[in-house]
Amino acid sequence: TKNNVLNKNGIVILEHVTEVKWQDFGL
């Protein structure tokens, strides 16, 4: 988010086993 590398309509896919706080980053 800081480097603005995701397109306006882009998606981020996370593979994880623990909780991730994506809301903190405007996602």
PDB file of all heavy atoms in Angstrom:
ATOM      1  N   THR A   1       0.824  -1.213   0.000  1.00  0.00           N
ATOM      2  CA  THR A   1       0.000   0.000   0.000  1.00  0.00           C
ATOM      3  C   THR A   1       0.859   1.264   0.000  1.00  0.00           C
ATOM      4  O   THR A   1       0.547   2.223  -0.699  1.00  0.00           O
ATOM      5  CB  THR A   1      -0.989   0.007   1.181  1.00  0.00           C
ATOM      6  OG1 THR A   1      -0.279  -0.173   2.401  1.00  0.00           O
ATOM      7  CG2 THR A   1      -2.002  -1.106   1.033  1.00  0.00           C
ATOM      8  N   LYS A   2       1.944   1.258   0.764  1.00  0.00           N
ATOM      9  CA  LYS A   2       2.822   2.429   0.836  1.00  0.00           C
ATOM     10  C   LYS A   2       3.434   2.756  -0.518  1.00  0.00           C
ATOM     11  O   LYS A   2       3.556   3.922  -0.890  1.00  0.00           O
ATOM     12  CB  LYS A   2       3.923   2.177   1.871  1.00  0.00           C
ATOM     13  CG  LYS A   2       4.874   3.352   2.053  1.00  0.00           C
ATOM     14  CD  LYS A   2       5.858   3.099   3.180  1.00  0.00           C
ATOM     15  CE  LYS A   2       6.993   2.256   2.663  1.00  0.00           C
ATOM     16  NZ  LYS A   2       8.058   2.064   3.651  1.00  0.00           N
ATOM     17  N   ASN A   3       3.818   1.724  -1.262  1.00  0.00           N
ATOM     18  CA  ASN A   3       4.465   1.922  -2.557  1.00  0.00           C
ATOM     19  C   ASN A   3       3.487   1.905  -3.726  1.00  0.00           C
ATOM     20  O   ASN A   3       3.900   1.989  -4.876  1.00  0.00           O
ATOM     21  CB  ASN A   3       5.566   0.876  -2.758  1.00  0.00           C
ATOM     22  CG  ASN A   3       6.714   1.100  -1.807  1.00  0.00           C
ATOM     23  OD1 ASN A   3       7.463   2.058  -1.946  1.00  0.00           O
ATOM     24  ND2 ASN A   3       6.834   0.245  -0.801  1.00  0.00           N
ATOM     25  N   ASN A   4       2.185   1.779  -3.423  1.00  0.00           N
ATOM     26  CA  ASN A   4       1.134   1.836  -4.435  1.00  0.00           C
ATOM     27  C   ASN A   4       1.409   0.914  -5.623  1.00  0.00           C
ATOM     28  O   ASN A   4       1.327   1.332  -6.775  1.00  0.00           O
ATOM     29  CB  ASN A   4       0.934   3.285  -4.907  1.00  0.00           C
ATOM     30  CG  ASN A   4      -0.377   3.464  -5.627  1.00  0.00           C
ATOM     31  OD1 ASN A   4      -1.359   2.800  -5.324  1.00  0.00           O
ATOM     32  ND2 ASN A   4      -0.389   4.376  -6.591  1.00  0.00           N
ATOM     33  N   VAL A   5       1.695  -0.349  -5.347  1.00  0.00           N
ATOM     34  CA  VAL A   5       2.012  -1.292  -6.423  1.00  0.00           C
ATOM     35  C   VAL A   5       0.818  -2.148  -6.845  1.00  0.00           C
ATOM     36  O   VAL A   5       0.932  -2.946  -7.764  1.00  0.00           O
ATOM     37  CB  VAL A   5       3.212  -2.202  -6.058  1.00  0.00           C
ATOM     38  CG1 VAL A   5       4.487  -1.389  -5.932  1.00  0.00           C
ATOM     39  CG2 VAL A   5       2.950  -3.009  -4.817  1.00  0.00           C
ATOM     40  N   LEU A   6      -0.336  -1.955  -6.206  1.00  0.00           N
ATOM     41  CA  LEU A   6      -1.541  -2.687  -6.582  1.00  0.00           C
ATOM     42  C   LEU A   6      -2.424  -1.792  -7.440  1.00  0.00           C
ATOM     43  O   LEU A   6      -2.752  -0.667  -7.056  1.00  0.00           O
ATOM     44  CB  LEU A   6      -2.305  -3.129  -5.326  1.00  0.00           C
ATOM     45  CG  LEU A   6      -3.556  -3.980  -5.549  1.00  0.00           C
ATOM     46  CD1 LEU A   6      -3.181  -5.318  -6.176  1.00  0.00           C
ATOM     47  CD2 LEU A   6      -4.280  -4.203  -4.228  1.00  0.00           C
ATOM     48  N   ASN A   7      -2.798  -2.293  -8.637  1.00  0.00           N
ATOM     49  CA  ASN A   7      -3.704  -1.544  -9.503  1.00  0.00           C
ATOM     50  C   ASN A   7      -5.009  -1.245  -8.800  1.00  0.00           C
ATOM     51  O   ASN A   7      -5.391  -1.935  -7.853  1.00  0.00           O
ATOM     52  CB  ASN A   7      -4.014  -2.348 -10.772  1.00  0.00           C
ATOM     53  CG  ASN A   7      -2.931  -2.251 -11.803  1.00  0.00           C
ATOM     54  OD1 ASN A   7      -2.155  -1.309 -11.829  1.00  0.00           O
ATOM     55  ND2 ASN A   7      -2.852  -3.247 -12.668  1.00  0.00           N
ATOM     56  N   LYS A   8      -5.725  -0.257  -9.298  1.00  0.00           N
ATOM     57  CA  LYS A   8      -7.008   0.161  -8.720  1.00  0.00           C
ATOM     58  C   LYS A   8      -7.965  -1.017  -8.545  1.00  0.00           C
ATOM     59  O   LYS A   8      -8.638  -1.137  -7.543  1.00  0.00           O
ATOM     60  CB  LYS A   8      -7.635   1.231  -9.615  1.00  0.00           C
ATOM     61  CG  LYS A   8      -8.990   1.688  -9.180  1.00  0.00           C
ATOM     62  CD  LYS A   8      -9.546   2.703 -10.159  1.00  0.00           C
ATOM     63  CE  LYS A   8     -11.011   2.959  -9.845  1.00  0.00           C
ATOM     64  NZ  LYS A   8     -11.662   3.732 -10.879  1.00  0.00           N
ATOM     65  N   ASN A   9      -8.026  -1.903  -9.535  1.00  0.00           N
ATOM     66  CA  ASN A   9      -8.923  -3.058  -9.481  1.00  0.00           C
ATOM     67  C   ASN A   9      -8.169  -4.358  -9.201  1.00  0.00           C
ATOM     68  O   ASN A   9      -8.707  -5.443  -9.420  1.00  0.00           O
ATOM     69  CB  ASN A   9      -9.706  -3.182 -10.787  1.00  0.00           C
ATOM     70  CG  ASN A   9     -10.621  -1.994 -10.998  1.00  0.00           C
ATOM     71  OD1 ASN A   9     -11.308  -1.567 -10.080  1.00  0.00           O
ATOM     72  ND2 ASN A   9     -10.600  -1.430 -12.189  1.00  0.00           N
ATOM     73  N   GLY A  10      -6.932  -4.243  -8.728  1.00  0.00           N
ATOM     74  CA  GLY A  10      -6.116  -5.421  -8.467  1.00  0.00           C
ATOM     75  C   GLY A  10      -6.529  -6.151  -7.201  1.00  0.00           C
ATOM     76  O   GLY A  10      -7.307  -5.642  -6.395  1.00  0.00           O
ATOM     77  N   ILE A  11      -5.984  -7.365  -7.054  1.00  0.00           N
ATOM     78  CA  ILE A  11      -6.262  -8.157  -5.861  1.00  0.00           C
ATOM     79  C   ILE A  11      -4.962  -8.634  -5.223  1.00  0.00           C
ATOM     80  O   ILE A  11      -3.944  -8.786  -5.888  1.00  0.00           O
ATOM     81  CB  ILE A  11      -7.176  -9.371  -6.147  1.00  0.00           C
ATOM     82  CG1 ILE A  11      -6.515 -10.349  -7.118  1.00  0.00           C
ATOM     83  CG2 ILE A  11      -8.532  -8.941  -6.639  1.00  0.00           C
ATOM     84  CD1 ILE A  11      -7.245 -11.674  -7.235  1.00  0.00           C
ATOM     85  N   VAL A  12      -5.037  -8.830  -3.926  1.00  0.00           N
ATOM     86  CA  VAL A  12      -3.939  -9.422  -3.168  1.00  0.00           C
ATOM     87  C   VAL A  12      -4.444 -10.774  -2.680  1.00  0.00           C
ATOM     88  O   VAL A  12      -5.555 -10.878  -2.156  1.00  0.00           O
ATOM     89  CB  VAL A  12      -3.546  -8.555  -1.951  1.00  0.00           C
ATOM     90  CG1 VAL A  12      -2.490  -9.252  -1.113  1.00  0.00           C
ATOM     91  CG2 VAL A  12      -3.052  -7.187  -2.397  1.00  0.00           C
ATOM     92  N   ILE A  13      -3.628 -11.801  -2.881  1.00  0.00           N
ATOM     93  CA  ILE A  13      -3.972 -13.138  -2.412  1.00  0.00           C
ATOM     94  C   ILE A  13      -2.959 -13.521  -1.347  1.00  0.00           C
ATOM     95  O   ILE A  13      -1.752 -13.491  -1.592  1.00  0.00           O
ATOM     96  CB  ILE A  13      -3.934 -14.166  -3.557  1.00  0.00           C
ATOM     97  CG1 ILE A  13      -4.864 -13.730  -4.691  1.00  0.00           C
ATOM     98  CG2 ILE A  13      -4.309 -15.557  -3.032  1.00  0.00           C
ATOM     99  CD1 ILE A  13      -4.701 -14.531  -5.968  1.00  0.00           C
ATOM    100  N   LEU A  14      -3.458 -13.846  -0.165  1.00  0.00           N
ATOM    101  CA  LEU A  14      -2.608 -14.255   0.949  1.00  0.00           C
ATOM    102  C   LEU A  14      -2.832 -15.733   1.236  1.00  0.00           C
ATOM    103  O   LEU A  14      -3.965 -16.182   1.322  1.00  0.00           O
ATOM    104  CB  LEU A  14      -2.972 -13.513   2.228  1.00  0.00           C
ATOM    105  CG  LEU A  14      -2.838 -12.016   2.309  1.00  0.00           C
ATOM    106  CD1 LEU A  14      -3.418 -11.521   3.621  1.00  0.00           C
ATOM    107  CD2 LEU A  14      -1.398 -11.621   2.207  1.00  0.00           C
ATOM    108  N   GLU A  15      -1.739 -16.465   1.403  1.00  0.00           N
ATOM    109  CA  GLU A  15      -1.820 -17.818   1.928  1.00  0.00           C
ATOM    110  C   GLU A  15      -1.226 -17.755   3.326  1.00  0.00           C
ATOM    111  O   GLU A  15      -0.078 -17.365   3.498  1.00  0.00           O
ATOM    112  CB  GLU A  15      -1.042 -18.791   1.047  1.00  0.00           C
ATOM    113  CG  GLU A  15      -1.219 -20.219   1.487  1.00  0.00           C
ATOM    114  CD  GLU A  15      -0.555 -21.215   0.553  1.00  0.00           C
ATOM    115  OE1 GLU A  15      -0.591 -21.008  -0.672  1.00  0.00           O
ATOM    116  OE2 GLU A  15       0.001 -22.190   1.068  1.00  0.00           O
ATOM    117  N   HIS A  16      -2.033 -18.106   4.350  1.00  0.00           N
ATOM    118  CA  HIS A  16      -1.575 -17.909   5.717  1.00  0.00           C
ATOM    119  C   HIS A  16      -2.224 -18.904   6.669  1.00  0.00           C
ATOM    120  O   HIS A  16      -3.259 -19.493   6.362  1.00  0.00           O
ATOM    121  CB  HIS A  16      -1.857 -16.468   6.171  1.00  0.00           C
ATOM    122  CG  HIS A  16      -3.296 -16.068   6.069  1.00  0.00           C
ATOM    123  ND1 HIS A  16      -4.126 -16.013   7.162  1.00  0.00           N
ATOM    124  CD2 HIS A  16      -4.066 -15.705   5.005  1.00  0.00           C
ATOM    125  CE1 HIS A  16      -5.331 -15.618   6.784  1.00  0.00           C
ATOM    126  NE2 HIS A  16      -5.318 -15.426   5.472  1.00  0.00           N
ATOM    127  N   VAL A  17      -1.605 -19.044   7.851  1.00  0.00           N
ATOM    128  CA  VAL A  17      -2.160 -19.916   8.895  1.00  0.00           C
ATOM    129  C   VAL A  17      -2.539 -19.125  10.147  1.00  0.00           C
ATOM    130  O   VAL A  17      -3.242 -19.636  11.001  1.00  0.00           O
ATOM    131  CB  VAL A  17      -1.197 -21.072   9.280  1.00  0.00           C
ATOM    132  CG1 VAL A  17      -1.019 -22.024   8.108  1.00  0.00           C
ATOM    133  CG2 VAL A  17       0.138 -20.549   9.768  1.00  0.00           C
ATOM    134  N   THR A  18      -2.056 -17.915  10.255  1.00  0.00           N
ATOM    135  CA  THR A  18      -2.375 -17.066  11.398  1.00  0.00           C
ATOM    136  C   THR A  18      -3.264 -15.914  10.932  1.00  0.00           C
ATOM    137  O   THR A  18      -3.357 -15.627   9.748  1.00  0.00           O
ATOM    138  CB  THR A  18      -1.101 -16.489  12.044  1.00  0.00           C
ATOM    139  OG1 THR A  18      -0.383 -15.736  11.058  1.00  0.00           O
ATOM    140  CG2 THR A  18      -0.208 -17.586  12.594  1.00  0.00           C
ATOM    141  N   GLU A  19      -3.894 -15.233  11.876  1.00  0.00           N
ATOM    142  CA  GLU A  19      -4.746 -14.093  11.546  1.00  0.00           C
ATOM    143  C   GLU A  19      -3.904 -12.956  10.969  1.00  0.00           C
ATOM    144  O   GLU A  19      -2.808 -12.676  11.454  1.00  0.00           O
ATOM    145  CB  GLU A  19      -5.467 -13.598  12.796  1.00  0.00           C
ATOM    146  CG  GLU A  19      -6.445 -12.496  12.517  1.00  0.00           C
ATOM    147  CD  GLU A  19      -7.187 -12.043  13.760  1.00  0.00           C
ATOM    148  OE1 GLU A  19      -7.368 -12.860  14.674  1.00  0.00           O
ATOM    149  OE2 GLU A  19      -7.564 -10.862  13.808  1.00  0.00           O
ATOM    150  N   VAL A  20      -4.421 -12.328   9.926  1.00  0.00           N
ATOM    151  CA  VAL A  20      -3.752 -11.185   9.299  1.00  0.00           C
ATOM    152  C   VAL A  20      -4.716 -10.009   9.340  1.00  0.00           C
ATOM    153  O   VAL A  20      -5.878 -10.134   8.950  1.00  0.00           O
ATOM    154  CB  VAL A  20      -3.353 -11.507   7.840  1.00  0.00           C
ATOM    155  CG1 VAL A  20      -2.725 -10.288   7.185  1.00  0.00           C
ATOM    156  CG2 VAL A  20      -2.413 -12.700   7.780  1.00  0.00           C
ATOM    157  N   LYS A  21      -4.246  -8.848   9.795  1.00  0.00           N
ATOM    158  CA  LYS A  21      -5.098  -7.661   9.944  1.00  0.00           C
ATOM    159  C   LYS A  21      -5.026  -6.791   8.688  1.00  0.00           C
ATOM    160  O   LYS A  21      -4.433  -5.725   8.692  1.00  0.00           O
ATOM    161  CB  LYS A  21      -4.681  -6.882  11.184  1.00  0.00           C
ATOM    162  CG  LYS A  21      -4.853  -7.692  12.446  1.00  0.00           C
ATOM    163  CD  LYS A  21      -4.462  -6.877  13.658  1.00  0.00           C
ATOM    164  CE  LYS A  21      -4.369  -7.765  14.838  1.00  0.00           C
ATOM    165  NZ  LYS A  21      -5.389  -7.841  15.742  1.00  0.00           N
ATOM    166  N   TRP A  22      -5.631  -7.260   7.593  1.00  0.00           N
ATOM    167  CA  TRP A  22      -5.591  -6.546   6.319  1.00  0.00           C
ATOM    168  C   TRP A  22      -6.384  -5.243   6.369  1.00  0.00           C
ATOM    169  O   TRP A  22      -6.098  -4.321   5.623  1.00  0.00           O
ATOM    170  CB  TRP A  22      -6.106  -7.438   5.187  1.00  0.00           C
ATOM    171  CG  TRP A  22      -7.513  -7.885   5.377  1.00  0.00           C
ATOM    172  CD1 TRP A  22      -8.648  -7.166   5.126  1.00  0.00           C
ATOM    173  CD2 TRP A  22      -7.943  -9.124   5.905  1.00  0.00           C
ATOM    174  NE1 TRP A  22      -9.755  -7.891   5.463  1.00  0.00           N
ATOM    175  CE2 TRP A  22      -9.354  -9.110   5.938  1.00  0.00           C
ATOM    176  CE3 TRP A  22      -7.291 -10.265   6.344  1.00  0.00           C
ATOM    177  CZ2 TRP A  22     -10.105 -10.175   6.390  1.00  0.00           C
ATOM    178  CZ3 TRP A  22      -8.046 -11.322   6.792  1.00  0.00           C
ATOM    179  CH2 TRP A  22      -9.426 -11.285   6.816  1.00  0.00           C
ATOM    180  N   GLN A  23      -7.365  -5.148   7.263  1.00  0.00           N
ATOM    181  CA  GLN A  23      -8.183  -3.937   7.353  1.00  0.00           C
ATOM    182  C   GLN A  23      -7.337  -2.717   7.712  1.00  0.00           C
ATOM    183  O   GLN A  23      -7.669  -1.599   7.328  1.00  0.00           O
ATOM    184  CB  GLN A  23      -9.288  -4.102   8.410  1.00  0.00           C
ATOM    185  CG  GLN A  23     -10.175  -5.299   8.209  1.00  0.00           C
ATOM    186  CD  GLN A  23      -9.656  -6.571   8.899  1.00  0.00           C
ATOM    187  OE1 GLN A  23      -8.470  -6.725   9.152  1.00  0.00           O
ATOM    188  NE2 GLN A  23     -10.554  -7.499   9.164  1.00  0.00           N
ATOM    189  N   ASP A  24      -6.243  -2.933   8.425  1.00  0.00           N
ATOM    190  CA  ASP A  24      -5.362  -1.831   8.824  1.00  0.00           C
ATOM    191  C   ASP A  24      -4.702  -1.150   7.630  1.00  0.00           C
ATOM    192  O   ASP A  24      -4.120  -0.082   7.768  1.00  0.00           O
ATOM    193  CB  ASP A  24      -4.266  -2.323   9.779  1.00  0.00           C
ATOM    194  CG  ASP A  24      -4.815  -2.809  11.116  1.00  0.00           C
ATOM    195  OD1 ASP A  24      -5.998  -2.548  11.412  1.00  0.00           O
ATOM    196  OD2 ASP A  24      -4.053  -3.441  11.852  1.00  0.00           O
ATOM    197  N   PHE A  25      -4.800  -1.759   6.438  1.00  0.00           N
ATOM    198  CA  PHE A  25      -4.116  -1.240   5.260  1.00  0.00           C
ATOM    199  C   PHE A  25      -5.095  -0.815   4.172  1.00  0.00           C
ATOM    200  O   PHE A  25      -4.730  -0.682   3.010  1.00  0.00           O
ATOM    201  CB  PHE A  25      -3.121  -2.288   4.742  1.00  0.00           C
ATOM    202  CG  PHE A  25      -2.160  -2.706   5.808  1.00  0.00           C
ATOM    203  CD1 PHE A  25      -2.390  -3.856   6.551  1.00  0.00           C
ATOM    204  CD2 PHE A  25      -1.067  -1.922   6.128  1.00  0.00           C
ATOM    205  CE1 PHE A  25      -1.523  -4.225   7.569  1.00  0.00           C
ATOM    206  CE2 PHE A  25      -0.204  -2.280   7.147  1.00  0.00           C
ATOM    207  CZ  PHE A  25      -0.438  -3.432   7.871  1.00  0.00           C
ATOM    208  N   GLY A  26      -6.343  -0.600   4.565  1.00  0.00           N
ATOM    209  CA  GLY A  26      -7.345  -0.130   3.611  1.00  0.00           C
ATOM    210  C   GLY A  26      -7.764  -1.190   2.612  1.00  0.00           C
ATOM    211  O   GLY A  26      -8.231  -0.852   1.531  1.00  0.00           O
ATOM    212  N   LEU A  27      -7.609  -2.446   2.961  1.00  0.00           N
ATOM    213  CA  LEU A  27      -7.996  -3.529   2.062  1.00  0.00           C
ATOM    214  C   LEU A  27      -9.306  -4.143   2.521  1.00  0.00           C
ATOM    215  O   LEU A  27      -9.632  -4.142   3.705  1.00  0.00           O
ATOM    216  CB  LEU A  27      -6.891  -4.582   2.002  1.00  0.00           C
ATOM    217  CG  LEU A  27      -5.561  -4.087   1.441  1.00  0.00           C
ATOM    218  CD1 LEU A  27      -4.475  -5.129   1.633  1.00  0.00           C
ATOM    219  CD2 LEU A  27      -5.681  -3.717  -0.030  1.00  0.00           C
TER     220      LEU A  27
END
